[in-house]
Amino acid sequence: MKNTLRRIIEFIWIIPWKPSKKNDDNNDEDDQFYDAFEQPPVHSPLSDSDSLSEDSFRRYDRPPISAQTSPLLESPWSSYAEQPAMAPVDENYVGLITSLVREEGHIYSLAASGDLLYTGSSSKNIRIWKHYVEYSGFKSHSGLVKAILISGDKVFTGHQDGKIRVWKPAKKDPKFHQKIATLPDFHSVFKKSLKLKNYKQIRRKNRGEIWIKHIDAISSLSLNFDHTLLYSGSWDKTIKVWRVSDFKCLESISAHDDVINTVVAGAYGFVFSGSADGTLKVWRKDSTWEGKRTRHCFSQSLLKQEFAVTSLVVTPSATVVYGGCSDGVVHYWEHEKLTHRGVLRGHKLAVLCLAAYGDMVFSGSADRNICVWQRDEHGTHRCLYVLNGHTGPVKCLAVEKERRGPDGGAGGGENTCILYSGSLDKSVKIWRLCSHSDRQLPPPSPKRIDGLRRSRAEIRDKLPRPRASQRKN
């Protein structure tokens, strides 16, 4: 009995307590839903000099808490379209469709599903877009949103406070997203806290922490191929494995010696993790393990270098694994045999994000550019396009097959996709891209698409003209 009381007292001491209701994870005021149509847009001028310096880029990854409190109502989005979003387009058109600009915060995460786009930022808000128009939104008082993942009707969001929140559209009104779970929940944490074996010693702290909790920001989320397991990577150097059916934490992997930047699940039970310690490690689920929890075993290290591994992606066909690094290089491996096949060199600064669709791979960088690569049947890559439109580092990418409305005309076929790019310049840009068929001659050099100049011209046309008296001054 004394041991039980002692563990309860220690548990209360471990959990930070504040009297403010805003910090209560189960408080209704904590996670709020917003209807986009209840907020009239307010257009603000966009300066041509609005950009991020290299010094500000070095500091972007950990913004102060005081800078993460932008009110949602004071920072509405504005959409500046290069052409009507749902208007018929030429099947051969390649370029910028729409720019979504706001004064709310840096864009840290994107996720697309069908005609919906979810955007997460440093203002703690998750915005939902439908057909490039603001649809609805919700937020949580939990720090910036670093990762968004969609699985069926569930939306997983990874936050600065080390927690994963699960959202689901309401049946009566799909615009309304309600929080259905927080990982880990209070009951699981309390139950684990009663046994000493569930504590792990933290080097930089004088006390242990429960193994099912992340103690630092969540940097990445990934689902296995059958969407039964969720993997979360964190700045606390661990990977945690969650069961999607009941949101239970099954395993904690002490994976790296420095913060984990990216985690992605592949085929054959493989899980890939990239870290600031310069390693790209491969983990494999032990299919012979018959315990109550899963067990992942270390397989090998694909990279050991001085440059951080910043991004990972596995092709939809699970044939190639790509890893972006802080030196601007993208490495790639054959997935099944984990054989290194080469590198892609198209960026001058760190590759911060990767995405894949069909035989195309997209890389976003701190140099503000997006490179579009195409892989042929022999495994050779060529750079088709260089997208130049952002005025800050490109932090996240999402790609979806093009879907046109009944009045939108015919699409470009299976080789046409829509690419979403989020940046630290507080904007999201939407591009329409096509791969080259085997019958087409390969381009002699990458085609550079300048979306910045046209976007600014469109914005200037939409801004109110100054009065005659103001022009005289």
Foldseek 3Di string as FASTA:
>chain_A
DVLQVVLVVVLVVVDDDDPDPCPDQPDPVFKDKWFLVVADDDDDDDDPPLFDDPVVVVVVPDDDLVVQAFDDNVKDKDKFALDQLQAADDQPDWFFGIKIFIPQAFWQEWEDDDQWIWTWGQNQKIWIDGSRHTGIIMGGSFGTFNYWDDDPQWIWTWHFQQKIWIWGADPVGSRDIDTDQIFPDPVVLVVQSSDPVQWDDQPVDPGTGGQSTDRGTWQEWEAAPVRQWIWIFFQSQKIWIAGPVVRDTQDIGNHDPGGWNYWYYFPQQWIWTWFQQWWIWIWGWDPPDDDPGTDIHTDGILTHDNWTFAEWDAAPVRQKIWIWTQQQKIWMAGRPVRHTDDIDHDDRGTFHYWDYADQWIWTWFQVQKIWIWGADPVRDIATAEIEHADSGGFHYKYKDADDHDPNHDDHNPRQWIWMWITGRSRMIIIIIDGDDDPVDDGDPHHHYHYNHVSSSVSSVVPDDDDDPVVVVD
